[in-house]
Amino acid sequence: MFKAVIAVVLVGALGFVVLERDSDMAAQIKTALPFFETGVTIGFDSPLTGLFESEIVEKYKALSLACVNEPSDMSDRICWEYISSFNGIPATMVRFHFINNQLDFIHINYEQSAHVSVLNYPG
């Protein structure tokens, strides 16, 4: 069973959608996927919104992002990868959402155990 809490955190012009998942499920996924040990760090000193997909893929090439067409009301294309942390907070997935080939927002799935850290970010 999934418990979900959605919170929107705006950082400059970039919106983050935070989805909290049941920590037991996240632990099971981590055990099954050895490449899950990749952490992501994004500095917010310069805006990412508007960067092209190719720039994001190059900038975060250590992630081996999978990019697919996924038309929706939120975006028309997504690049994603399973991760172990985002800016030092335990997380399970990062998704970069693009509209017309430009980054619109980043979606992070955090572990339930990280909820307080997410709410207190950046500390």
C-alpha atoms as a PDB file:
ATOM      1  CA  MET A   1       0.000   0.000   0.000  1.00  0.00           C
ATOM      2  CA  PHE A   2       1.173   3.463  -0.815  1.00  0.00           C
ATOM      3  CA  LYS A   3       0.681   6.431   1.410  1.00  0.00           C
ATOM      4  CA  ALA A   4       1.215   9.639  -0.475  1.00  0.00           C
ATOM      5  CA  VAL A   5       1.689  13.181   0.585  1.00  0.00           C
ATOM      6  CA  ILE A   6       2.171  15.808  -2.071  1.00  0.00           C
ATOM      7  CA  ALA A   7       3.819  19.103  -1.311  1.00  0.00           C
ATOM      8  CA  VAL A   8       4.878  21.771  -3.735  1.00  0.00           C
ATOM      9  CA  VAL A   9       8.047  23.662  -2.975  1.00  0.00           C
ATOM     10  CA  LEU A  10       8.889  26.583  -5.215  1.00  0.00           C
ATOM     11  CA  VAL A  11      12.551  27.457  -5.643  1.00  0.00           C
ATOM     12  CA  GLY A  12      12.818  30.535  -7.832  1.00  0.00           C
ATOM     13  CA  ALA A  13      11.001  29.752 -11.048  1.00  0.00           C
ATOM     14  CA  LEU A  14      11.508  26.020 -10.562  1.00  0.00           C
ATOM     15  CA  GLY A  15       8.762  23.973  -8.911  1.00  0.00           C
ATOM     16  CA  PHE A  16       9.445  20.738  -7.076  1.00  0.00           C
ATOM     17  CA  VAL A  17       6.698  18.237  -6.531  1.00  0.00           C
ATOM     18  CA  VAL A  18       7.484  16.066  -3.561  1.00  0.00           C
ATOM     19  CA  LEU A  19       5.847  12.672  -3.327  1.00  0.00           C
ATOM     20  CA  GLU A  20       6.365  10.694  -0.153  1.00  0.00           C
ATOM     21  CA  ARG A  21       6.133   6.907  -0.472  1.00  0.00           C
ATOM     22  CA  ASP A  22       5.914   4.145   2.090  1.00  0.00           C
ATOM     23  CA  SER A  23       9.470   3.471   3.288  1.00  0.00           C
ATOM     24  CA  ASP A  24       9.040  -0.337   3.236  1.00  0.00           C
ATOM     25  CA  MET A  25       8.312  -0.232  -0.491  1.00  0.00           C
ATOM     26  CA  ALA A  26      11.317   2.029  -1.104  1.00  0.00           C
ATOM     27  CA  ALA A  27      13.552  -0.366   0.851  1.00  0.00           C
ATOM     28  CA  GLN A  28      12.343  -3.317  -1.249  1.00  0.00           C
ATOM     29  CA  ILE A  29      13.064  -1.450  -4.471  1.00  0.00           C
ATOM     30  CA  LYS A  30      16.542  -0.448  -3.264  1.00  0.00           C
ATOM     31  CA  THR A  31      17.367  -4.059  -2.410  1.00  0.00           C
ATOM     32  CA  ALA A  32      16.310  -5.246  -5.862  1.00  0.00           C
ATOM     33  CA  LEU A  33      18.079  -2.522  -7.832  1.00  0.00           C
ATOM     34  CA  PRO A  34      21.850  -2.274  -7.263  1.00  0.00           C
ATOM     35  CA  PHE A  35      22.178   0.938  -9.336  1.00  0.00           C
ATOM     36  CA  PHE A  36      19.950   2.649  -6.769  1.00  0.00           C
ATOM     37  CA  GLU A  37      23.000   4.011  -4.927  1.00  0.00           C
ATOM     38  CA  THR A  38      23.232   7.186  -7.029  1.00  0.00           C
ATOM     39  CA  GLY A  39      22.745  10.432  -5.167  1.00  0.00           C
ATOM     40  CA  VAL A  40      21.796  13.687  -6.894  1.00  0.00           C
ATOM     41  CA  THR A  41      22.891  17.160  -5.844  1.00  0.00           C
ATOM     42  CA  ILE A  42      21.447  20.248  -7.473  1.00  0.00           C
ATOM     43  CA  GLY A  43      22.625  23.724  -6.498  1.00  0.00           C
ATOM     44  CA  PHE A  44      20.001  26.426  -6.725  1.00  0.00           C
ATOM     45  CA  ASP A  45      22.384  29.339  -7.234  1.00  0.00           C
ATOM     46  CA  SER A  46      21.451  29.443 -10.918  1.00  0.00           C
ATOM     47  CA  PRO A  47      18.027  28.559 -12.344  1.00  0.00           C
ATOM     48  CA  LEU A  48      17.579  25.283 -14.221  1.00  0.00           C
ATOM     49  CA  THR A  49      14.189  26.132 -15.696  1.00  0.00           C
ATOM     50  CA  GLY A  50      14.411  26.524 -19.447  1.00  0.00           C
ATOM     51  CA  LEU A  51      17.487  24.333 -19.941  1.00  0.00           C
ATOM     52  CA  PHE A  52      17.139  21.971 -22.882  1.00  0.00           C
ATOM     53  CA  GLU A  53      16.807  18.207 -22.395  1.00  0.00           C
ATOM     54  CA  SER A  54      20.255  17.600 -23.902  1.00  0.00           C
ATOM     55  CA  GLU A  55      21.776  20.042 -21.380  1.00  0.00           C
ATOM     56  CA  ILE A  56      20.125  18.249 -18.435  1.00  0.00           C
ATOM     57  CA  VAL A  57      21.186  14.809 -19.726  1.00  0.00           C
ATOM     58  CA  GLU A  58      24.772  16.068 -20.127  1.00  0.00           C
ATOM     59  CA  LYS A  59      24.820  17.901 -16.779  1.00  0.00           C
ATOM     60  CA  TYR A  60      23.578  14.775 -14.931  1.00  0.00           C
ATOM     61  CA  LYS A  61      25.211  12.111 -17.119  1.00  0.00           C
ATOM     62  CA  ALA A  62      26.215  10.099 -14.017  1.00  0.00           C
ATOM     63  CA  LEU A  63      22.498   9.296 -13.635  1.00  0.00           C
ATOM     64  CA  SER A  64      22.080   7.516 -16.991  1.00  0.00           C
ATOM     65  CA  LEU A  65      18.695   9.189 -17.390  1.00  0.00           C
ATOM     66  CA  ALA A  66      16.013   7.351 -19.359  1.00  0.00           C
ATOM     67  CA  CYS A  67      14.027   9.837 -21.480  1.00  0.00           C
ATOM     68  CA  VAL A  68      10.589   9.099 -22.928  1.00  0.00           C
ATOM     69  CA  ASN A  69       7.702  10.889 -24.586  1.00  0.00           C
ATOM     70  CA  GLU A  70       4.920  11.065 -22.034  1.00  0.00           C
ATOM     71  CA  PRO A  71       2.376  13.692 -23.061  1.00  0.00           C
ATOM     72  CA  SER A  72       0.220  14.914 -20.184  1.00  0.00           C
ATOM     73  CA  ASP A  73      -1.170  18.120 -18.734  1.00  0.00           C
ATOM     74  CA  MET A  74       2.127  18.479 -16.832  1.00  0.00           C
ATOM     75  CA  SER A  75       4.707  17.917 -19.570  1.00  0.00           C
ATOM     76  CA  ASP A  76       5.317  16.288 -22.926  1.00  0.00           C
ATOM     77  CA  ARG A  77       8.566  14.479 -22.137  1.00  0.00           C
ATOM     78  CA  ILE A  78      10.248  13.054 -19.014  1.00  0.00           C
ATOM     79  CA  CYS A  79      13.802  11.977 -18.165  1.00  0.00           C
ATOM     80  CA  TRP A  80      14.067   9.869 -14.994  1.00  0.00           C
ATOM     81  CA  GLU A  81      16.275   7.634 -12.878  1.00  0.00           C
ATOM     82  CA  TYR A  82      16.138   5.763  -9.575  1.00  0.00           C
ATOM     83  CA  ILE A  83      18.299   7.482  -6.952  1.00  0.00           C
ATOM     84  CA  SER A  84      19.403   7.022  -3.336  1.00  0.00           C
ATOM     85  CA  SER A  85      19.282  10.685  -2.280  1.00  0.00           C
ATOM     86  CA  PHE A  86      18.517  14.191  -3.472  1.00  0.00           C
ATOM     87  CA  ASN A  87      20.620  17.001  -1.986  1.00  0.00           C
ATOM     88  CA  GLY A  88      21.538  14.664   0.872  1.00  0.00           C
ATOM     89  CA  ILE A  89      17.968  13.612   1.702  1.00  0.00           C
ATOM     90  CA  PRO A  90      17.008   9.925   1.141  1.00  0.00           C
ATOM     91  CA  ALA A  91      14.973   9.693  -2.085  1.00  0.00           C
ATOM     92  CA  THR A  92      13.923   7.011  -4.558  1.00  0.00           C
ATOM     93  CA  MET A  93      13.471   8.723  -7.940  1.00  0.00           C
ATOM     94  CA  VAL A  94      14.134  11.955  -9.829  1.00  0.00           C
ATOM     95  CA  ARG A  95      12.102  13.013 -12.877  1.00  0.00           C
ATOM     96  CA  PHE A  96      12.886  15.990 -15.085  1.00  0.00           C
ATOM     97  CA  HIS A  97       9.731  17.212 -16.880  1.00  0.00           C
ATOM     98  CA  PHE A  98      10.045  19.031 -20.211  1.00  0.00           C
ATOM     99  CA  ILE A  99       7.684  21.123 -22.299  1.00  0.00           C
ATOM    100  CA  ASN A 100       8.835  21.908 -25.854  1.00  0.00           C
ATOM    101  CA  ASN A 101      12.254  20.400 -25.046  1.00  0.00           C
ATOM    102  CA  GLN A 102      12.853  22.793 -22.119  1.00  0.00           C
ATOM    103  CA  LEU A 103      12.909  21.886 -18.427  1.00  0.00           C
ATOM    104  CA  ASP A 104       9.701  22.943 -16.697  1.00  0.00           C
ATOM    105  CA  PHE A 105      10.084  21.287 -13.277  1.00  0.00           C
ATOM    106  CA  ILE A 106      11.738  18.481 -11.322  1.00  0.00           C
ATOM    107  CA  HIS A 107       9.737  15.801  -9.483  1.00  0.00           C
ATOM    108  CA  ILE A 108      11.418  13.983  -6.589  1.00  0.00           C
ATOM    109  CA  ASN A 109      10.074  10.892  -4.802  1.00  0.00           C
ATOM    110  CA  TYR A 110      11.266  10.962  -1.194  1.00  0.00           C
ATOM    111  CA  GLU A 111      11.219   8.150   1.346  1.00  0.00           C
ATOM    112  CA  GLN A 112       8.662   8.457   4.136  1.00  0.00           C
ATOM    113  CA  SER A 113      11.483   8.601   6.692  1.00  0.00           C
ATOM    114  CA  ALA A 114      12.749  11.801   5.014  1.00  0.00           C
ATOM    115  CA  HIS A 115       9.491  13.737   5.402  1.00  0.00           C
ATOM    116  CA  VAL A 116      10.725  16.005   8.236  1.00  0.00           C
ATOM    117  CA  SER A 117      14.006  16.690   6.387  1.00  0.00           C
ATOM    118  CA  VAL A 118      12.090  17.678   3.258  1.00  0.00           C
ATOM    119  CA  LEU A 119       9.814  20.016   5.195  1.00  0.00           C
ATOM    120  CA  ASN A 120      12.845  21.658   6.878  1.00  0.00           C
ATOM    121  CA  TYR A 121      14.942  21.931   3.694  1.00  0.00           C
ATOM    122  CA  PRO A 122      17.299  23.790   3.309  1.00  0.00           C
ATOM    123  CA  GLY A 123      17.702  23.483   7.036  1.00  0.00           C
END
